[in-house]
Amino acid sequence: MQPLIKESSFLTLQIHRDISALPSFRNPVITIGTFDGVHLGHKQIINRLKEEARSIDGETVIITFYPHPRKIVTPGAHIALLNTTEEKIALLDKEKIDHLIIVPFTDVFAEQDATSYIKDFLVAKIHPHTIIIGYDHRFGKGREGNYMMLENFGAIWGFTVKEIPEKLLHEAAVSSTRIRQALAEGNIATANELLGYSYFFTGTVVEGNRLGNTIGYPTANIRPGSEEKLIPANGVYAVEVIVRGGKYQGMMNIGVRPTIGGTRRVIEVNIFGFSSDIYNSSITVYFKYFLRSEQKFSGIDALKQQLAEDKVNALRVLGEGRR
């Protein structure tokens, strides 16, 4: 497994964050959405986008927003995202999308009416050849814009509007919701099946209480790189880890560590066959299998016995997954 997050110099996907300085796209075929997860439902939409672009020798353009529109429209709303922006970029790059426009979603942008959104943003900035959008897509202040409005303006300004079938839209929406629910329940198997890849997060290794060192299972404590990133349910997982360019197997615990009277949720990973000092290093963890729920043991000896069993189980399922 290669690291998913690549250096920007190796990306083939072109990223555009300044909507006042967009390039001239060749017959741009565009779609708009959050694409959180870039999962199997999204990939059907992406395939439709690429097919359409190939048919007219055009370029594929995905428009997304940062921060998440809900944070602006509903201040204080809790956002639990499947992907950070950087992760989304890497996933869309793997899908061979040509351009990703990341629109700064501000109060001013949110306040523009639907006509201005089409005229001053879509047409003036992007000059779309084709817009592929869902029948129920809404945009502009008060969500007044819709598919029919786009069609009407397309006849005036010379772009075509094509519909994403309801079935594909439904699958994408349901997949995102189901993936979040599955992760919240620790159901990694379902989440990974719907994603089409192993769920992952990237963070920084930070100082812990070093209990693991004293009981023979040293752990790297991890601070996730984004507070918005969805972290799966408390429990023990079999994982694969990428740190300092190497790939390793391990087991991860997410929880409060009730056996030692913990009250704060921590994320810690025991990396098999690894002993280097990696404090302050970036680390990416791929969730492979759920092993067990978090539980309180009678003492440290019982905990050590369970950790030994967890390691055996983790190595077994990770080994089986490679066959």
C-alpha atoms as a PDB file:
ATOM      1  CA  MET A   1       0.000   0.000   0.000  1.00  0.00           C
ATOM      2  CA  GLN A   2       1.392   3.369  -0.987  1.00  0.00           C
ATOM      3  CA  PRO A   3       0.673   6.511   1.040  1.00  0.00           C
ATOM      4  CA  LEU A   4      -2.564   7.991  -0.198  1.00  0.00           C
ATOM      5  CA  ILE A   5      -1.631  11.598   0.448  1.00  0.00           C
ATOM      6  CA  LYS A   6       0.983  12.503  -2.131  1.00  0.00           C
ATOM      7  CA  GLU A   7       3.087  15.620  -2.447  1.00  0.00           C
ATOM      8  CA  SER A   8       1.314  18.217  -4.570  1.00  0.00           C
ATOM      9  CA  SER A   9       4.140  18.178  -7.122  1.00  0.00           C
ATOM     10  CA  PHE A  10       3.139  14.613  -8.002  1.00  0.00           C
ATOM     11  CA  LEU A  11      -0.555  15.329  -8.464  1.00  0.00           C
ATOM     12  CA  THR A  12      -2.008  15.256 -11.962  1.00  0.00           C
ATOM     13  CA  LEU A  13      -5.224  16.822 -10.657  1.00  0.00           C
ATOM     14  CA  GLN A  14      -5.059  20.607 -10.936  1.00  0.00           C
ATOM     15  CA  ILE A  15      -6.301  22.412  -7.816  1.00  0.00           C
ATOM     16  CA  HIS A  16      -7.897  25.865  -8.026  1.00  0.00           C
ATOM     17  CA  ARG A  17      -8.672  27.808  -4.844  1.00  0.00           C
ATOM     18  CA  ASP A  18      -8.865  31.350  -6.223  1.00  0.00           C
ATOM     19  CA  ILE A  19     -12.084  31.656  -8.227  1.00  0.00           C
ATOM     20  CA  SER A  20     -11.018  35.076  -9.478  1.00  0.00           C
ATOM     21  CA  ALA A  21      -8.059  33.553 -11.324  1.00  0.00           C
ATOM     22  CA  LEU A  22      -9.339  30.366 -12.948  1.00  0.00           C
ATOM     23  CA  PRO A  23      -7.717  29.184 -16.177  1.00  0.00           C
ATOM     24  CA  SER A  24      -9.483  28.678 -19.473  1.00  0.00           C
ATOM     25  CA  PHE A  25     -10.836  25.131 -19.420  1.00  0.00           C
ATOM     26  CA  ARG A  26     -11.226  23.068 -22.597  1.00  0.00           C
ATOM     27  CA  ASN A  27     -14.909  22.197 -23.081  1.00  0.00           C
ATOM     28  CA  PRO A  28     -15.382  21.876 -19.325  1.00  0.00           C
ATOM     29  CA  VAL A  29     -17.785  19.207 -18.139  1.00  0.00           C
ATOM     30  CA  ILE A  30     -18.618  20.086 -14.569  1.00  0.00           C
ATOM     31  CA  THR A  31     -20.435  18.710 -11.557  1.00  0.00           C
ATOM     32  CA  ILE A  32     -20.921  20.194  -8.117  1.00  0.00           C
ATOM     33  CA  GLY A  33     -20.991  18.598  -4.675  1.00  0.00           C
ATOM     34  CA  THR A  34     -19.198  17.873  -1.429  1.00  0.00           C
ATOM     35  CA  PHE A  35     -18.002  14.418  -2.575  1.00  0.00           C
ATOM     36  CA  ASP A  36     -17.257  13.545   1.046  1.00  0.00           C
ATOM     37  CA  GLY A  37     -15.691  10.106   1.092  1.00  0.00           C
ATOM     38  CA  VAL A  38     -15.219   9.842  -2.700  1.00  0.00           C
ATOM     39  CA  HIS A  39     -16.873   6.465  -2.259  1.00  0.00           C
ATOM     40  CA  LEU A  40     -18.352   3.942  -4.690  1.00  0.00           C
ATOM     41  CA  GLY A  41     -21.562   5.954  -5.089  1.00  0.00           C
ATOM     42  CA  HIS A  42     -19.551   9.039  -6.021  1.00  0.00           C
ATOM     43  CA  LYS A  43     -17.418   7.030  -8.422  1.00  0.00           C
ATOM     44  CA  GLN A  44     -20.457   6.265 -10.551  1.00  0.00           C
ATOM     45  CA  ILE A  45     -21.063  10.005 -10.903  1.00  0.00           C
ATOM     46  CA  ILE A  46     -17.372  10.556 -11.614  1.00  0.00           C
ATOM     47  CA  ASN A  47     -17.448   7.885 -14.337  1.00  0.00           C
ATOM     48  CA  ARG A  48     -20.406   9.650 -15.939  1.00  0.00           C
ATOM     49  CA  LEU A  49     -18.460  12.914 -15.841  1.00  0.00           C
ATOM     50  CA  LYS A  50     -15.421  11.333 -17.499  1.00  0.00           C
ATOM     51  CA  GLU A  51     -17.476   9.601 -20.189  1.00  0.00           C
ATOM     52  CA  GLU A  52     -19.158  12.869 -21.113  1.00  0.00           C
ATOM     53  CA  ALA A  53     -15.825  14.710 -21.239  1.00  0.00           C
ATOM     54  CA  ARG A  54     -14.276  12.059 -23.469  1.00  0.00           C
ATOM     55  CA  SER A  55     -17.169  12.322 -25.909  1.00  0.00           C
ATOM     56  CA  ILE A  56     -16.487  16.029 -26.545  1.00  0.00           C
ATOM     57  CA  ASP A  57     -12.717  16.128 -25.959  1.00  0.00           C
ATOM     58  CA  GLY A  58     -13.375  18.094 -22.804  1.00  0.00           C
ATOM     59  CA  GLU A  59     -11.913  18.404 -19.330  1.00  0.00           C
ATOM     60  CA  THR A  60     -13.536  17.154 -16.143  1.00  0.00           C
ATOM     61  CA  VAL A  61     -14.155  19.775 -13.481  1.00  0.00           C
ATOM     62  CA  ILE A  62     -15.495  19.104 -10.000  1.00  0.00           C
ATOM     63  CA  ILE A  63     -16.637  22.068  -7.914  1.00  0.00           C
ATOM     64  CA  THR A  64     -16.629  21.681  -4.158  1.00  0.00           C
ATOM     65  CA  PHE A  65     -16.589  24.040  -1.198  1.00  0.00           C
ATOM     66  CA  TYR A  66     -14.503  24.846   1.864  1.00  0.00           C
ATOM     67  CA  PRO A  67     -15.409  25.127   4.611  1.00  0.00           C
ATOM     68  CA  HIS A  68     -18.395  22.811   4.469  1.00  0.00           C
ATOM     69  CA  PRO A  69     -21.438  24.991   3.586  1.00  0.00           C
ATOM     70  CA  ARG A  70     -23.263  23.820   6.703  1.00  0.00           C
ATOM     71  CA  LYS A  71     -20.673  25.545   8.887  1.00  0.00           C
ATOM     72  CA  ILE A  72     -21.578  28.874   7.296  1.00  0.00           C
ATOM     73  CA  VAL A  73     -25.305  28.382   6.813  1.00  0.00           C
ATOM     74  CA  THR A  74     -25.765  26.828  10.271  1.00  0.00           C
ATOM     75  CA  PRO A  75     -23.090  28.266  12.583  1.00  0.00           C
ATOM     76  CA  GLY A  76     -22.150  25.893  15.369  1.00  0.00           C
ATOM     77  CA  ALA A  77     -23.268  22.803  13.453  1.00  0.00           C
ATOM     78  CA  HIS A  78     -21.174  19.733  14.216  1.00  0.00           C
ATOM     79  CA  ILE A  79     -19.412  18.456  11.119  1.00  0.00           C
ATOM     80  CA  ALA A  80     -18.112  14.884  10.990  1.00  0.00           C
ATOM     81  CA  LEU A  81     -16.404  14.467   7.626  1.00  0.00           C
ATOM     82  CA  LEU A  82     -15.141  11.306   5.975  1.00  0.00           C
ATOM     83  CA  ASN A  83     -12.375  13.248   4.215  1.00  0.00           C
ATOM     84  CA  THR A  84     -10.285  16.297   4.891  1.00  0.00           C
ATOM     85  CA  THR A  85      -9.718  18.516   1.858  1.00  0.00           C
ATOM     86  CA  GLU A  86      -6.243  17.046   1.375  1.00  0.00           C
ATOM     87  CA  GLU A  87      -7.620  13.503   1.441  1.00  0.00           C
ATOM     88  CA  LYS A  88     -10.345  14.403  -1.024  1.00  0.00           C
ATOM     89  CA  ILE A  89      -7.738  15.864  -3.370  1.00  0.00           C
ATOM     90  CA  ALA A  90      -5.691  12.661  -3.248  1.00  0.00           C
ATOM     91  CA  LEU A  91      -8.729  10.454  -3.855  1.00  0.00           C
ATOM     92  CA  LEU A  92      -9.955  12.536  -6.805  1.00  0.00           C
ATOM     93  CA  ASP A  93      -6.439  12.527  -8.241  1.00  0.00           C
ATOM     94  CA  LYS A  94      -6.561   8.727  -8.252  1.00  0.00           C
ATOM     95  CA  GLU A  95      -9.823   8.983 -10.221  1.00  0.00           C
ATOM     96  CA  LYS A  96      -8.018  10.976 -12.947  1.00  0.00           C
ATOM     97  CA  ILE A  97     -10.170  14.080 -12.614  1.00  0.00           C
ATOM     98  CA  ASP A  98      -8.605  17.034 -14.458  1.00  0.00           C
ATOM     99  CA  HIS A  99      -9.596  19.960 -12.246  1.00  0.00           C
ATOM    100  CA  LEU A 100     -10.903  20.515  -8.737  1.00  0.00           C
ATOM    101  CA  ILE A 101     -12.226  23.968  -7.881  1.00  0.00           C
ATOM    102  CA  ILE A 102     -12.372  24.503  -4.128  1.00  0.00           C
ATOM    103  CA  VAL A 103     -14.681  27.459  -3.652  1.00  0.00           C
ATOM    104  CA  PRO A 104     -14.131  29.487  -0.465  1.00  0.00           C
ATOM    105  CA  PHE A 105     -17.626  29.241   0.999  1.00  0.00           C
ATOM    106  CA  THR A 106     -18.100  32.588   2.721  1.00  0.00           C
ATOM    107  CA  ASP A 107     -21.131  34.500   3.959  1.00  0.00           C
ATOM    108  CA  VAL A 108     -20.931  36.620   0.809  1.00  0.00           C
ATOM    109  CA  PHE A 109     -20.888  33.567  -1.467  1.00  0.00           C
ATOM    110  CA  ALA A 110     -23.784  32.018   0.460  1.00  0.00           C
ATOM    111  CA  GLU A 111     -25.860  35.192   0.121  1.00  0.00           C
ATOM    112  CA  GLN A 112     -25.773  35.459  -3.683  1.00  0.00           C
ATOM    113  CA  ASP A 113     -29.031  34.657  -5.420  1.00  0.00           C
ATOM    114  CA  ALA A 114     -29.395  31.777  -7.850  1.00  0.00           C
ATOM    115  CA  THR A 115     -29.225  33.969 -10.964  1.00  0.00           C
ATOM    116  CA  SER A 116     -25.982  35.586  -9.798  1.00  0.00           C
ATOM    117  CA  TYR A 117     -24.576  32.160  -8.960  1.00  0.00           C
ATOM    118  CA  ILE A 118     -25.166  30.989 -12.522  1.00  0.00           C
ATOM    119  CA  LYS A 119     -24.241  34.206 -14.312  1.00  0.00           C
ATOM    120  CA  ASP A 120     -21.374  35.545 -12.203  1.00  0.00           C
ATOM    121  CA  PHE A 121     -19.849  32.268 -11.055  1.00  0.00           C
ATOM    122  CA  LEU A 122     -20.615  29.314 -13.322  1.00  0.00           C
ATOM    123  CA  VAL A 123     -20.761  31.202 -16.626  1.00  0.00           C
ATOM    124  CA  ALA A 124     -18.349  34.085 -16.033  1.00  0.00           C
ATOM    125  CA  LYS A 125     -15.663  32.056 -14.216  1.00  0.00           C
ATOM    126  CA  ILE A 126     -15.909  28.558 -15.725  1.00  0.00           C
ATOM    127  CA  HIS A 127     -17.734  28.827 -19.072  1.00  0.00           C
ATOM    128  CA  PRO A 128     -19.157  25.292 -18.852  1.00  0.00           C
ATOM    129  CA  HIS A 129     -19.801  23.222 -21.929  1.00  0.00           C
ATOM    130  CA  THR A 130     -21.888  20.724 -19.947  1.00  0.00           C
ATOM    131  CA  ILE A 131     -23.199  20.691 -16.401  1.00  0.00           C
ATOM    132  CA  ILE A 132     -24.022  17.279 -14.969  1.00  0.00           C
ATOM    133  CA  ILE A 133     -26.220  17.734 -11.941  1.00  0.00           C
ATOM    134  CA  GLY A 134     -28.925  15.987  -9.965  1.00  0.00           C
ATOM    135  CA  TYR A 135     -32.584  16.662 -10.614  1.00  0.00           C
ATOM    136  CA  ASP A 136     -32.965  17.832  -7.011  1.00  0.00           C
ATOM    137  CA  HIS A 137     -29.863  20.045  -6.851  1.00  0.00           C
ATOM    138  CA  ARG A 138     -30.519  23.400  -5.175  1.00  0.00           C
ATOM    139  CA  PHE A 139     -28.316  26.474  -5.088  1.00  0.00           C
ATOM    140  CA  GLY A 140     -28.320  30.194  -4.358  1.00  0.00           C
ATOM    141  CA  LYS A 141     -29.708  32.103  -1.401  1.00  0.00           C
ATOM    142  CA  GLY A 142     -32.722  30.333   0.026  1.00  0.00           C
ATOM    143  CA  ARG A 143     -31.952  27.362  -2.278  1.00  0.00           C
ATOM    144  CA  GLU A 144     -34.071  29.027  -4.954  1.00  0.00           C
ATOM    145  CA  GLY A 145     -32.056  27.683  -7.890  1.00  0.00           C
ATOM    146  CA  ASN A 146     -32.871  24.317  -9.433  1.00  0.00           C
ATOM    147  CA  TYR A 147     -32.321  22.066 -12.430  1.00  0.00           C
ATOM    148  CA  MET A 148     -34.970  23.821 -14.541  1.00  0.00           C
ATOM    149  CA  MET A 149     -33.370  27.220 -13.942  1.00  0.00           C
ATOM    150  CA  LEU A 150     -30.028  25.855 -15.113  1.00  0.00           C
ATOM    151  CA  GLU A 151     -31.648  24.482 -18.256  1.00  0.00           C
ATOM    152  CA  ASN A 152     -33.296  27.829 -19.012  1.00  0.00           C
ATOM    153  CA  PHE A 153     -30.055  29.747 -18.594  1.00  0.00           C
ATOM    154  CA  GLY A 154     -28.185  27.091 -20.558  1.00  0.00           C
ATOM    155  CA  ALA A 155     -30.331  27.914 -23.584  1.00  0.00           C
ATOM    156  CA  ILE A 156     -29.322  31.573 -23.217  1.00  0.00           C
ATOM    157  CA  TRP A 157     -25.606  31.179 -22.458  1.00  0.00           C
ATOM    158  CA  GLY A 158     -24.850  28.084 -24.481  1.00  0.00           C
ATOM    159  CA  PHE A 159     -24.256  25.270 -22.048  1.00  0.00           C
ATOM    160  CA  THR A 160     -25.936  21.881 -21.794  1.00  0.00           C
ATOM    161  CA  VAL A 161     -27.426  20.471 -18.611  1.00  0.00           C
ATOM    162  CA  LYS A 162     -27.578  16.719 -18.111  1.00  0.00           C
ATOM    163  CA  GLU A 163     -29.186  14.896 -15.237  1.00  0.00           C
ATOM    164  CA  ILE A 164     -27.515  12.496 -12.857  1.00  0.00           C
ATOM    165  CA  PRO A 165     -30.043   9.654 -12.567  1.00  0.00           C
ATOM    166  CA  GLU A 166     -31.993   9.599  -9.313  1.00  0.00           C
ATOM    167  CA  LYS A 167     -30.691   6.114  -8.573  1.00  0.00           C
ATOM    168  CA  LEU A 168     -27.056   7.296  -8.645  1.00  0.00           C
ATOM    169  CA  LEU A 169     -27.839  10.302  -6.481  1.00  0.00           C
ATOM    170  CA  HIS A 170     -29.696   8.143  -4.006  1.00  0.00           C
ATOM    171  CA  GLU A 171     -26.852   5.654  -3.843  1.00  0.00           C
ATOM    172  CA  ALA A 172     -24.304   8.416  -3.231  1.00  0.00           C
ATOM    173  CA  ALA A 173     -26.379  10.063  -0.505  1.00  0.00           C
ATOM    174  CA  VAL A 174     -27.212   6.781   1.172  1.00  0.00           C
ATOM    175  CA  SER A 175     -23.606   5.634   0.978  1.00  0.00           C
ATOM    176  CA  SER A 176     -22.296   8.745   2.768  1.00  0.00           C
ATOM    177  CA  THR A 177     -24.912   8.392   5.479  1.00  0.00           C
ATOM    178  CA  ARG A 178     -24.391   4.641   5.811  1.00  0.00           C
ATOM    179  CA  ILE A 179     -20.608   5.020   5.951  1.00  0.00           C
ATOM    180  CA  ARG A 180     -20.830   7.559   8.760  1.00  0.00           C
ATOM    181  CA  GLN A 181     -23.278   5.360  10.640  1.00  0.00           C
ATOM    182  CA  ALA A 182     -21.134   2.258  10.134  1.00  0.00           C
ATOM    183  CA  LEU A 183     -18.011   4.023  11.408  1.00  0.00           C
ATOM    184  CA  ALA A 184     -19.913   5.377  14.407  1.00  0.00           C
ATOM    185  CA  GLU A 185     -20.812   1.763  15.218  1.00  0.00           C
ATOM    186  CA  GLY A 186     -17.321   0.398  14.585  1.00  0.00           C
ATOM    187  CA  ASN A 187     -18.577  -1.502  11.540  1.00  0.00           C
ATOM    188  CA  ILE A 188     -15.393  -1.177   9.514  1.00  0.00           C
ATOM    189  CA  ALA A 189     -16.307  -3.987   7.113  1.00  0.00           C
ATOM    190  CA  THR A 190     -19.418  -2.164   5.858  1.00  0.00           C
ATOM    191  CA  ALA A 191     -17.697   1.224   5.741  1.00  0.00           C
ATOM    192  CA  ASN A 192     -14.768  -0.091   3.719  1.00  0.00           C
ATOM    193  CA  GLU A 193     -17.059  -1.987   1.361  1.00  0.00           C
ATOM    194  CA  LEU A 194     -19.041   1.181   0.584  1.00  0.00           C
ATOM    195  CA  LEU A 195     -15.931   3.345   0.317  1.00  0.00           C
ATOM    196  CA  GLY A 196     -14.100   0.977  -1.990  1.00  0.00           C
ATOM    197  CA  TYR A 197     -10.948   1.468   0.104  1.00  0.00           C
ATOM    198  CA  SER A 198      -9.890   1.216   3.741  1.00  0.00           C
ATOM    199  CA  TYR A 199     -11.020   4.127   5.877  1.00  0.00           C
ATOM    200  CA  PHE A 200      -8.057   6.127   7.110  1.00  0.00           C
ATOM    201  CA  PHE A 201      -6.948   9.219   8.919  1.00  0.00           C
ATOM    202  CA  THR A 202      -3.683  11.111   9.238  1.00  0.00           C
ATOM    203  CA  GLY A 203      -2.389  12.687  12.415  1.00  0.00           C
ATOM    204  CA  THR A 204       0.670  13.552  14.468  1.00  0.00           C
ATOM    205  CA  VAL A 205       2.330  11.324  17.049  1.00  0.00           C
ATOM    206  CA  VAL A 206       2.190  13.051  20.437  1.00  0.00           C
ATOM    207  CA  GLU A 207       3.411  12.351  23.967  1.00  0.00           C
ATOM    208  CA  GLY A 208       1.336   9.840  25.957  1.00  0.00           C
ATOM    209  CA  ASN A 209       1.550   8.423  29.486  1.00  0.00           C
ATOM    210  CA  ARG A 210       3.902   5.633  28.357  1.00  0.00           C
ATOM    211  CA  LEU A 211       1.854   2.919  30.068  1.00  0.00           C
ATOM    212  CA  GLY A 212       2.247   0.725  26.988  1.00  0.00           C
ATOM    213  CA  ASN A 213       6.019   0.688  27.405  1.00  0.00           C
ATOM    214  CA  THR A 214       5.714  -0.695  30.927  1.00  0.00           C
ATOM    215  CA  ILE A 215       3.449  -3.594  29.935  1.00  0.00           C
ATOM    216  CA  GLY A 216       5.198  -4.630  26.733  1.00  0.00           C
ATOM    217  CA  TYR A 217       2.906  -2.943  24.212  1.00  0.00           C
ATOM    218  CA  PRO A 218       4.341   0.502  23.443  1.00  0.00           C
ATOM    219  CA  THR A 219       1.896   2.736  21.631  1.00  0.00           C
ATOM    220  CA  ALA A 220       2.049   5.864  19.531  1.00  0.00           C
ATOM    221  CA  ASN A 221      -0.560   8.338  20.681  1.00  0.00           C
ATOM    222  CA  ILE A 222      -2.092  10.177  17.750  1.00  0.00           C
ATOM    223  CA  ARG A 223      -3.656  13.601  17.472  1.00  0.00           C
ATOM    224  CA  PRO A 224      -5.839  13.677  14.311  1.00  0.00           C
ATOM    225  CA  GLY A 225      -4.922  16.349  11.800  1.00  0.00           C
ATOM    226  CA  SER A 226      -8.465  17.728  11.644  1.00  0.00           C
ATOM    227  CA  GLU A 227     -11.136  18.158  14.304  1.00  0.00           C
ATOM    228  CA  GLU A 228     -13.738  17.640  11.564  1.00  0.00           C
ATOM    229  CA  LYS A 229     -12.478  14.175  10.665  1.00  0.00           C
ATOM    230  CA  LEU A 230     -14.794  11.370  11.746  1.00  0.00           C
ATOM    231  CA  ILE A 231     -13.021   8.984  14.107  1.00  0.00           C
ATOM    232  CA  PRO A 232     -14.669   5.525  14.375  1.00  0.00           C
ATOM    233  CA  ALA A 233     -16.309   4.127  17.498  1.00  0.00           C
ATOM    234  CA  ASN A 234     -14.317   3.269  20.580  1.00  0.00           C
ATOM    235  CA  GLY A 235     -12.762  -0.164  20.395  1.00  0.00           C
ATOM    236  CA  VAL A 236      -9.752  -2.131  19.193  1.00  0.00           C
ATOM    237  CA  TYR A 237      -8.937  -2.412  15.488  1.00  0.00           C
ATOM    238  CA  ALA A 238      -6.474  -4.261  13.275  1.00  0.00           C
ATOM    239  CA  VAL A 239      -4.768  -1.585  11.198  1.00  0.00           C
ATOM    240  CA  GLU A 240      -2.049  -0.846   8.717  1.00  0.00           C
ATOM    241  CA  VAL A 241       0.182   2.131   9.393  1.00  0.00           C
ATOM    242  CA  ILE A 242       2.348   4.331   7.222  1.00  0.00           C
ATOM    243  CA  VAL A 243       4.970   6.345   9.080  1.00  0.00           C
ATOM    244  CA  ARG A 244       8.287   7.768   7.877  1.00  0.00           C
ATOM    245  CA  GLY A 245       7.841   6.096   4.509  1.00  0.00           C
ATOM    246  CA  GLY A 246       7.416   2.575   5.896  1.00  0.00           C
ATOM    247  CA  LYS A 247       4.309   0.395   6.054  1.00  0.00           C
ATOM    248  CA  TYR A 248       3.547  -1.682   9.138  1.00  0.00           C
ATOM    249  CA  GLN A 249       0.816  -3.755  10.723  1.00  0.00           C
ATOM    250  CA  GLY A 250      -0.575  -2.955  14.118  1.00  0.00           C
ATOM    251  CA  MET A 251      -3.515  -2.742  16.463  1.00  0.00           C
ATOM    252  CA  MET A 252      -5.225   0.473  17.445  1.00  0.00           C
ATOM    253  CA  ASN A 253      -7.213   1.346  20.527  1.00  0.00           C
ATOM    254  CA  ILE A 254      -9.701   4.211  20.544  1.00  0.00           C
ATOM    255  CA  GLY A 255     -11.287   5.023  23.888  1.00  0.00           C
ATOM    256  CA  VAL A 256     -10.908   6.309  27.424  1.00  0.00           C
ATOM    257  CA  ARG A 257      -8.898   3.331  28.804  1.00  0.00           C
ATOM    258  CA  PRO A 258     -11.279   2.501  31.676  1.00  0.00           C
ATOM    259  CA  THR A 259      -8.962  -0.115  33.213  1.00  0.00           C
ATOM    260  CA  ILE A 260      -6.590   2.657  34.349  1.00  0.00           C
ATOM    261  CA  GLY A 261      -9.387   5.069  35.223  1.00  0.00           C
ATOM    262  CA  GLY A 262      -9.111   7.150  32.084  1.00  0.00           C
ATOM    263  CA  THR A 263     -11.751   9.740  31.236  1.00  0.00           C
ATOM    264  CA  ARG A 264     -10.373  11.395  28.089  1.00  0.00           C
ATOM    265  CA  ARG A 265     -10.698   9.750  24.687  1.00  0.00           C
ATOM    266  CA  VAL A 266      -7.336   8.828  23.210  1.00  0.00           C
ATOM    267  CA  ILE A 267      -6.189   7.221  19.986  1.00  0.00           C
ATOM    268  CA  GLU A 268      -3.170   4.957  20.285  1.00  0.00           C
ATOM    269  CA  VAL A 269      -1.589   2.387  18.013  1.00  0.00           C
ATOM    270  CA  ASN A 270       0.785  -0.461  18.782  1.00  0.00           C
ATOM    271  CA  ILE A 271       2.913  -0.906  15.662  1.00  0.00           C
ATOM    272  CA  PHE A 272       4.159  -4.477  15.322  1.00  0.00           C
ATOM    273  CA  GLY A 273       7.914  -4.922  14.989  1.00  0.00           C
ATOM    274  CA  PHE A 274       8.609  -1.202  15.340  1.00  0.00           C
ATOM    275  CA  SER A 275      10.614   0.605  18.012  1.00  0.00           C
ATOM    276  CA  SER A 276      11.782   3.930  16.553  1.00  0.00           C
ATOM    277  CA  ASP A 277      11.122   7.271  18.213  1.00  0.00           C
ATOM    278  CA  ILE A 278       8.454   8.899  16.059  1.00  0.00           C
ATOM    279  CA  TYR A 279       7.241  11.748  18.253  1.00  0.00           C
ATOM    280  CA  ASN A 280       5.981  14.676  16.159  1.00  0.00           C
ATOM    281  CA  SER A 281       5.969  12.492  13.029  1.00  0.00           C
ATOM    282  CA  SER A 282       3.056  12.362  10.628  1.00  0.00           C
ATOM    283  CA  ILE A 283       1.289   9.000  10.669  1.00  0.00           C
ATOM    284  CA  THR A 284      -1.515   7.558   8.545  1.00  0.00           C
ATOM    285  CA  VAL A 285      -3.649   4.703   9.866  1.00  0.00           C
ATOM    286  CA  TYR A 286      -5.842   2.486   7.672  1.00  0.00           C
ATOM    287  CA  PHE A 287      -8.676   0.693   9.472  1.00  0.00           C
ATOM    288  CA  LYS A 288      -8.818  -2.933   8.351  1.00  0.00           C
ATOM    289  CA  TYR A 289     -10.850  -4.900  10.890  1.00  0.00           C
ATOM    290  CA  PHE A 290     -12.773  -4.339  14.109  1.00  0.00           C
ATOM    291  CA  LEU A 291     -11.485  -6.675  16.814  1.00  0.00           C
ATOM    292  CA  ARG A 292     -13.533  -5.878  19.914  1.00  0.00           C
ATOM    293  CA  SER A 293     -15.316  -3.177  21.880  1.00  0.00           C
ATOM    294  CA  GLU A 294     -13.584  -1.221  24.599  1.00  0.00           C
ATOM    295  CA  GLN A 295     -13.960  -2.824  28.020  1.00  0.00           C
ATOM    296  CA  LYS A 296     -12.767  -2.453  31.595  1.00  0.00           C
ATOM    297  CA  PHE A 297     -10.549  -5.244  32.912  1.00  0.00           C
ATOM    298  CA  SER A 298      -9.961  -6.299  36.504  1.00  0.00           C
ATOM    299  CA  GLY A 299      -6.378  -5.033  36.415  1.00  0.00           C
ATOM    300  CA  ILE A 300      -3.182  -4.608  34.425  1.00  0.00           C
ATOM    301  CA  ASP A 301      -2.457  -8.353  34.254  1.00  0.00           C
ATOM    302  CA  ALA A 302      -5.886  -9.031  32.712  1.00  0.00           C
ATOM    303  CA  LEU A 303      -5.320  -6.170  30.299  1.00  0.00           C
ATOM    304  CA  LYS A 304      -1.939  -7.582  29.266  1.00  0.00           C
ATOM    305  CA  GLN A 305      -3.500 -10.988  28.648  1.00  0.00           C
ATOM    306  CA  GLN A 306      -6.179  -9.423  26.455  1.00  0.00           C
ATOM    307  CA  LEU A 307      -3.615  -7.375  24.518  1.00  0.00           C
ATOM    308  CA  ALA A 308      -1.718 -10.573  23.749  1.00  0.00           C
ATOM    309  CA  GLU A 309      -4.925 -12.085  22.366  1.00  0.00           C
ATOM    310  CA  ASP A 310      -5.659  -8.889  20.427  1.00  0.00           C
ATOM    311  CA  LYS A 311      -2.261  -9.032  18.758  1.00  0.00           C
ATOM    312  CA  VAL A 312      -2.739 -12.669  17.752  1.00  0.00           C
ATOM    313  CA  ASN A 313      -6.163 -11.849  16.327  1.00  0.00           C
ATOM    314  CA  ALA A 314      -4.888  -8.764  14.521  1.00  0.00           C
ATOM    315  CA  LEU A 315      -2.044 -10.661  12.879  1.00  0.00           C
ATOM    316  CA  ARG A 316      -4.453 -13.427  11.874  1.00  0.00           C
ATOM    317  CA  VAL A 317      -7.035 -11.201  10.196  1.00  0.00           C
ATOM    318  CA  LEU A 318      -4.414  -8.990   8.574  1.00  0.00           C
ATOM    319  CA  GLY A 319      -2.691 -12.107   7.246  1.00  0.00           C
ATOM    320  CA  GLU A 320      -5.966 -13.499   5.947  1.00  0.00           C
ATOM    321  CA  GLY A 321      -6.687 -10.197   4.234  1.00  0.00           C
ATOM    322  CA  ARG A 322      -3.498 -10.489   2.192  1.00  0.00           C
ATOM    323  CA  ARG A 323      -4.404 -13.861   0.703  1.00  0.00           C
END
